[in-house]
Amino acid sequence: HEVSDPDTVSLLEAARRAPSAGNSQP
């Protein structure tokens, strides 16, 4: 199995929007 580029982008976008402890983004 290979994760497609569009699926990788979606995964990273979801991770980017996830909350963090102490609001430690970016």
PDB file of all heavy atoms in Angstrom:
ATOM      1  N   HIS A   1       0.833  -1.213   0.000  1.00  0.00           N
ATOM      2  CA  HIS A   1       0.000   0.000   0.000  1.00  0.00           C
ATOM      3  C   HIS A   1       0.861   1.254   0.000  1.00  0.00           C
ATOM      4  O   HIS A   1       1.870   1.327   0.695  1.00  0.00           O
ATOM      5  CB  HIS A   1      -0.926   0.020   1.224  1.00  0.00           C
ATOM      6  CG  HIS A   1      -1.774   1.254   1.274  1.00  0.00           C
ATOM      7  ND1 HIS A   1      -2.879   1.409   0.482  1.00  0.00           N
ATOM      8  CD2 HIS A   1      -1.651   2.391   1.991  1.00  0.00           C
ATOM      9  CE1 HIS A   1      -3.414   2.589   0.721  1.00  0.00           C
ATOM     10  NE2 HIS A   1      -2.693   3.204   1.644  1.00  0.00           N
ATOM     11  N   GLU A   2       0.454   2.233  -0.788  1.00  0.00           N
ATOM     12  CA  GLU A   2       1.133   3.525  -0.832  1.00  0.00           C
ATOM     13  C   GLU A   2       0.108   4.613  -0.524  1.00  0.00           C
ATOM     14  O   GLU A   2      -0.976   4.618  -1.093  1.00  0.00           O
ATOM     15  CB  GLU A   2       1.726   3.777  -2.218  1.00  0.00           C
ATOM     16  CG  GLU A   2       2.815   2.806  -2.618  1.00  0.00           C
ATOM     17  CD  GLU A   2       4.078   2.944  -1.788  1.00  0.00           C
ATOM     18  OE1 GLU A   2       4.362   4.055  -1.299  1.00  0.00           O
ATOM     19  OE2 GLU A   2       4.777   1.937  -1.606  1.00  0.00           O
ATOM     20  N   VAL A   3       0.440   5.522   0.362  1.00  0.00           N
ATOM     21  CA  VAL A   3      -0.421   6.667   0.649  1.00  0.00           C
ATOM     22  C   VAL A   3      -0.219   7.674  -0.475  1.00  0.00           C
ATOM     23  O   VAL A   3       0.914   8.047  -0.788  1.00  0.00           O
ATOM     24  CB  VAL A   3      -0.082   7.298   2.013  1.00  0.00           C
ATOM     25  CG1 VAL A   3      -0.931   8.536   2.267  1.00  0.00           C
ATOM     26  CG2 VAL A   3      -0.278   6.286   3.131  1.00  0.00           C
ATOM     27  N   SER A   4      -1.324   8.117  -1.083  1.00  0.00           N
ATOM     28  CA  SER A   4      -1.240   9.053  -2.209  1.00  0.00           C
ATOM     29  C   SER A   4      -0.822  10.446  -1.732  1.00  0.00           C
ATOM     30  O   SER A   4      -0.971  10.791  -0.554  1.00  0.00           O
ATOM     31  CB  SER A   4      -2.593   9.135  -2.924  1.00  0.00           C
ATOM     32  OG  SER A   4      -3.531   9.796  -2.086  1.00  0.00           O
ATOM     33  N   ASP A   5      -0.333  11.257  -2.659  1.00  0.00           N
ATOM     34  CA  ASP A   5       0.022  12.635  -2.320  1.00  0.00           C
ATOM     35  C   ASP A   5      -1.194  13.418  -1.815  1.00  0.00           C
ATOM     36  O   ASP A   5      -1.083  14.107  -0.798  1.00  0.00           O
ATOM     37  CB  ASP A   5       0.668  13.336  -3.521  1.00  0.00           C
ATOM     38  CG  ASP A   5       2.075  12.841  -3.793  1.00  0.00           C
ATOM     39  OD1 ASP A   5       2.702  12.237  -2.896  1.00  0.00           O
ATOM     40  OD2 ASP A   5       2.561  13.062  -4.922  1.00  0.00           O
ATOM     41  N   PRO A   6      -2.371  13.325  -2.482  1.00  0.00           N
ATOM     42  CA  PRO A   6      -3.542  14.047  -1.950  1.00  0.00           C
ATOM     43  C   PRO A   6      -3.934  13.580  -0.547  1.00  0.00           C
ATOM     44  O   PRO A   6      -4.307  14.404   0.297  1.00  0.00           O
ATOM     45  CB  PRO A   6      -4.652  13.744  -2.964  1.00  0.00           C
ATOM     46  CG  PRO A   6      -3.934  13.425  -4.232  1.00  0.00           C
ATOM     47  CD  PRO A   6      -2.666  12.731  -3.794  1.00  0.00           C
ATOM     48  N   ASP A   7      -3.833  12.284  -0.263  1.00  0.00           N
ATOM     49  CA  ASP A   7      -4.147  11.797   1.085  1.00  0.00           C
ATOM     50  C   ASP A   7      -3.127  12.303   2.098  1.00  0.00           C
ATOM     51  O   ASP A   7      -3.474  12.618   3.236  1.00  0.00           O
ATOM     52  CB  ASP A   7      -4.213  10.268   1.118  1.00  0.00           C
ATOM     53  CG  ASP A   7      -5.479   9.721   0.492  1.00  0.00           C
ATOM     54  OD1 ASP A   7      -6.427  10.498   0.248  1.00  0.00           O
ATOM     55  OD2 ASP A   7      -5.522   8.500   0.247  1.00  0.00           O
ATOM     56  N   THR A   8      -1.870  12.399   1.691  1.00  0.00           N
ATOM     57  CA  THR A   8      -0.831  12.926   2.577  1.00  0.00           C
ATOM     58  C   THR A   8      -1.108  14.387   2.915  1.00  0.00           C
ATOM     59  O   THR A   8      -1.017  14.802   4.073  1.00  0.00           O
ATOM     60  CB  THR A   8       0.564  12.778   1.937  1.00  0.00           C
ATOM     61  OG1 THR A   8       0.798  11.398   1.668  1.00  0.00           O
ATOM     62  CG2 THR A   8       1.654  13.315   2.839  1.00  0.00           C
ATOM     63  N   VAL A   9      -1.491  15.167   1.912  1.00  0.00           N
ATOM     64  CA  VAL A   9      -1.809  16.576   2.134  1.00  0.00           C
ATOM     65  C   VAL A   9      -3.005  16.703   3.090  1.00  0.00           C
ATOM     66  O   VAL A   9      -2.984  17.518   4.018  1.00  0.00           O
ATOM     67  CB  VAL A   9      -2.084  17.300   0.796  1.00  0.00           C
ATOM     68  CG1 VAL A   9      -2.662  18.689   1.019  1.00  0.00           C
ATOM     69  CG2 VAL A   9      -0.808  17.371  -0.031  1.00  0.00           C
ATOM     70  N   SER A  10      -4.033  15.873   2.898  1.00  0.00           N
ATOM     71  CA  SER A  10      -5.198  15.903   3.788  1.00  0.00           C
ATOM     72  C   SER A  10      -4.812  15.546   5.216  1.00  0.00           C
ATOM     73  O   SER A  10      -5.265  16.184   6.178  1.00  0.00           O
ATOM     74  CB  SER A  10      -6.274  14.933   3.297  1.00  0.00           C
ATOM     75  OG  SER A  10      -6.822  15.371   2.084  1.00  0.00           O
ATOM     76  N   LEU A  11      -3.985  14.536   5.365  1.00  0.00           N
ATOM     77  CA  LEU A  11      -3.512  14.130   6.689  1.00  0.00           C
ATOM     78  C   LEU A  11      -2.757  15.260   7.379  1.00  0.00           C
ATOM     79  O   LEU A  11      -2.994  15.571   8.556  1.00  0.00           O
ATOM     80  CB  LEU A  11      -2.613  12.898   6.560  1.00  0.00           C
ATOM     81  CG  LEU A  11      -1.908  12.447   7.820  1.00  0.00           C
ATOM     82  CD1 LEU A  11      -2.897  11.800   8.770  1.00  0.00           C
ATOM     83  CD2 LEU A  11      -0.801  11.476   7.481  1.00  0.00           C
ATOM     84  N   LEU A  12      -1.857  15.902   6.649  1.00  0.00           N
ATOM     85  CA  LEU A  12      -1.080  16.992   7.230  1.00  0.00           C
ATOM     86  C   LEU A  12      -1.954  18.198   7.561  1.00  0.00           C
ATOM     87  O   LEU A  12      -1.739  18.868   8.579  1.00  0.00           O
ATOM     88  CB  LEU A  12       0.062  17.397   6.298  1.00  0.00           C
ATOM     89  CG  LEU A  12       1.167  16.354   6.163  1.00  0.00           C
ATOM     90  CD1 LEU A  12       2.131  16.739   5.053  1.00  0.00           C
ATOM     91  CD2 LEU A  12       1.894  16.159   7.476  1.00  0.00           C
ATOM     92  N   GLU A  13      -2.948  18.465   6.740  1.00  0.00           N
ATOM     93  CA  GLU A  13      -3.863  19.572   7.027  1.00  0.00           C
ATOM     94  C   GLU A  13      -4.667  19.290   8.289  1.00  0.00           C
ATOM     95  O   GLU A  13      -4.845  20.173   9.133  1.00  0.00           O
ATOM     96  CB  GLU A  13      -4.796  19.819   5.837  1.00  0.00           C
ATOM     97  CG  GLU A  13      -5.721  21.000   6.018  1.00  0.00           C
ATOM     98  CD  GLU A  13      -5.013  22.342   6.209  1.00  0.00           C
ATOM     99  OE1 GLU A  13      -3.821  22.476   5.867  1.00  0.00           O
ATOM    100  OE2 GLU A  13      -5.668  23.261   6.726  1.00  0.00           O
ATOM    101  N   ALA A  14      -5.137  18.055   8.452  1.00  0.00           N
ATOM    102  CA  ALA A  14      -5.864  17.692   9.673  1.00  0.00           C
ATOM    103  C   ALA A  14      -4.953  17.816  10.883  1.00  0.00           C
ATOM    104  O   ALA A  14      -5.354  18.339  11.933  1.00  0.00           O
ATOM    105  CB  ALA A  14      -6.410  16.276   9.553  1.00  0.00           C
ATOM    106  N   ALA A  15      -3.709  17.372  10.765  1.00  0.00           N
ATOM    107  CA  ALA A  15      -2.765  17.462  11.876  1.00  0.00           C
ATOM    108  C   ALA A  15      -2.441  18.919  12.202  1.00  0.00           C
ATOM    109  O   ALA A  15      -2.348  19.296  13.369  1.00  0.00           O
ATOM    110  CB  ALA A  15      -1.485  16.698  11.535  1.00  0.00           C
ATOM    111  N   ARG A  16      -2.320  19.723  11.182  1.00  0.00           N
ATOM    112  CA  ARG A  16      -2.012  21.145  11.380  1.00  0.00           C
ATOM    113  C   ARG A  16      -3.118  21.843  12.161  1.00  0.00           C
ATOM    114  O   ARG A  16      -2.869  22.731  12.958  1.00  0.00           O
ATOM    115  CB  ARG A  16      -1.814  21.819  10.021  1.00  0.00           C
ATOM    116  CG  ARG A  16      -1.404  23.276  10.106  1.00  0.00           C
ATOM    117  CD  ARG A  16      -1.279  23.888   8.724  1.00  0.00           C
ATOM    118  NE  ARG A  16      -2.564  24.129   8.106  1.00  0.00           N
ATOM    119  CZ  ARG A  16      -3.334  25.198   8.341  1.00  0.00           C
ATOM    120  NH1 ARG A  16      -2.960  26.098   9.216  1.00  0.00           N
ATOM    121  NH2 ARG A  16      -4.481  25.352   7.712  1.00  0.00           N
ATOM    122  N   ARG A  17      -4.355  21.419  11.952  1.00  0.00           N
ATOM    123  CA  ARG A  17      -5.496  22.041  12.608  1.00  0.00           C
ATOM    124  C   ARG A  17      -5.810  21.448  13.979  1.00  0.00           C
ATOM    125  O   ARG A  17      -6.666  21.945  14.691  1.00  0.00           O
ATOM    126  CB  ARG A  17      -6.724  21.929  11.718  1.00  0.00           C
ATOM    127  CG  ARG A  17      -6.605  22.753  10.458  1.00  0.00           C
ATOM    128  CD  ARG A  17      -7.771  22.503   9.518  1.00  0.00           C
ATOM    129  NE  ARG A  17      -7.660  23.309   8.340  1.00  0.00           N
ATOM    130  CZ  ARG A  17      -8.265  24.481   8.182  1.00  0.00           C
ATOM    131  NH1 ARG A  17      -9.007  24.970   9.151  1.00  0.00           N
ATOM    132  NH2 ARG A  17      -8.113  25.150   7.070  1.00  0.00           N
ATOM    133  N   ALA A  18      -5.120  20.393  14.348  1.00  0.00           N
ATOM    134  CA  ALA A  18      -5.384  19.743  15.635  1.00  0.00           C
ATOM    135  C   ALA A  18      -4.952  20.653  16.787  1.00  0.00           C
ATOM    136  O   ALA A  18      -3.974  21.382  16.676  1.00  0.00           O
ATOM    137  CB  ALA A  18      -4.631  18.410  15.707  1.00  0.00           C
ATOM    138  N   PRO A  19      -5.693  20.588  17.879  1.00  0.00           N
ATOM    139  CA  PRO A  19      -5.312  21.399  19.040  1.00  0.00           C
ATOM    140  C   PRO A  19      -4.025  20.873  19.674  1.00  0.00           C
ATOM    141  O   PRO A  19      -3.658  19.720  19.483  1.00  0.00           O
ATOM    142  CB  PRO A  19      -6.493  21.230  19.993  1.00  0.00           C
ATOM    143  CG  PRO A  19      -7.113  19.933  19.604  1.00  0.00           C
ATOM    144  CD  PRO A  19      -6.876  19.775  18.130  1.00  0.00           C
ATOM    145  N   SER A  20      -3.378  21.733  20.409  1.00  0.00           N
ATOM    146  CA  SER A  20      -2.158  21.318  21.097  1.00  0.00           C
ATOM    147  C   SER A  20      -2.243  21.724  22.563  1.00  0.00           C
ATOM    148  O   SER A  20      -2.973  22.636  22.928  1.00  0.00           O
ATOM    149  CB  SER A  20      -0.934  21.968  20.458  1.00  0.00           C
ATOM    150  OG  SER A  20      -0.975  23.369  20.659  1.00  0.00           O
ATOM    151  N   ALA A  21      -1.478  21.049  23.366  1.00  0.00           N
ATOM    152  CA  ALA A  21      -1.389  21.415  24.777  1.00  0.00           C
ATOM    153  C   ALA A  21      -0.707  22.772  24.883  1.00  0.00           C
ATOM    154  O   ALA A  21       0.361  22.986  24.317  1.00  0.00           O
ATOM    155  CB  ALA A  21      -0.608  20.359  25.546  1.00  0.00           C
ATOM    156  N   GLY A  22      -1.324  23.683  25.552  1.00  0.00           N
ATOM    157  CA  GLY A  22      -0.713  24.991  25.735  1.00  0.00           C
ATOM    158  C   GLY A  22      -0.672  25.837  24.477  1.00  0.00           C
ATOM    159  O   GLY A  22       0.079  26.791  24.404  1.00  0.00           O
ATOM    160  N   ASN A  23      -1.451  25.472  23.456  1.00  0.00           N
ATOM    161  CA  ASN A  23      -1.512  26.231  22.200  1.00  0.00           C
ATOM    162  C   ASN A  23      -0.112  26.488  21.645  1.00  0.00           C
ATOM    163  O   ASN A  23       0.275  27.606  21.328  1.00  0.00           O
ATOM    164  CB  ASN A  23      -2.261  27.551  22.422  1.00  0.00           C
ATOM    165  CG  ASN A  23      -2.769  28.123  21.125  1.00  0.00           C
ATOM    166  OD1 ASN A  23      -3.010  27.388  20.169  1.00  0.00           O
ATOM    167  ND2 ASN A  23      -2.950  29.428  21.082  1.00  0.00           N
ATOM    168  N   SER A  24       0.673  25.416  21.535  1.00  0.00           N
ATOM    169  CA  SER A  24       2.084  25.537  21.151  1.00  0.00           C
ATOM    170  C   SER A  24       2.335  25.475  19.649  1.00  0.00           C
ATOM    171  O   SER A  24       3.417  25.123  19.223  1.00  0.00           O
ATOM    172  CB  SER A  24       2.891  24.433  21.848  1.00  0.00           C
ATOM    173  OG  SER A  24       2.418  23.162  21.464  1.00  0.00           O
ATOM    174  N   GLN A  25       1.347  25.829  18.846  1.00  0.00           N
ATOM    175  CA  GLN A  25       1.574  25.904  17.424  1.00  0.00           C
ATOM    176  C   GLN A  25       2.575  27.030  17.138  1.00  0.00           C
ATOM    177  O   GLN A  25       2.794  27.869  18.006  1.00  0.00           O
ATOM    178  CB  GLN A  25       0.263  26.194  16.671  1.00  0.00           C
ATOM    179  CG  GLN A  25      -0.761  25.112  16.764  1.00  0.00           C
ATOM    180  CD  GLN A  25      -1.693  25.336  17.958  1.00  0.00           C
ATOM    181  OE1 GLN A  25      -1.398  26.098  18.852  1.00  0.00           O
ATOM    182  NE2 GLN A  25      -2.805  24.658  17.976  1.00  0.00           N
ATOM    183  N   PRO A  26       3.206  27.162  15.983  1.00  0.00           N
ATOM    184  CA  PRO A  26       2.889  26.382  14.789  1.00  0.00           C
ATOM    185  C   PRO A  26       3.514  24.984  14.832  1.00  0.00           C
ATOM    186  O   PRO A  26       4.559  24.769  15.434  1.00  0.00           O
ATOM    187  CB  PRO A  26       3.501  27.188  13.651  1.00  0.00           C
ATOM    188  CG  PRO A  26       4.662  27.875  14.277  1.00  0.00           C
ATOM    189  CD  PRO A  26       4.250  28.152  15.717  1.00  0.00           C
TER     190      PRO A  26
END
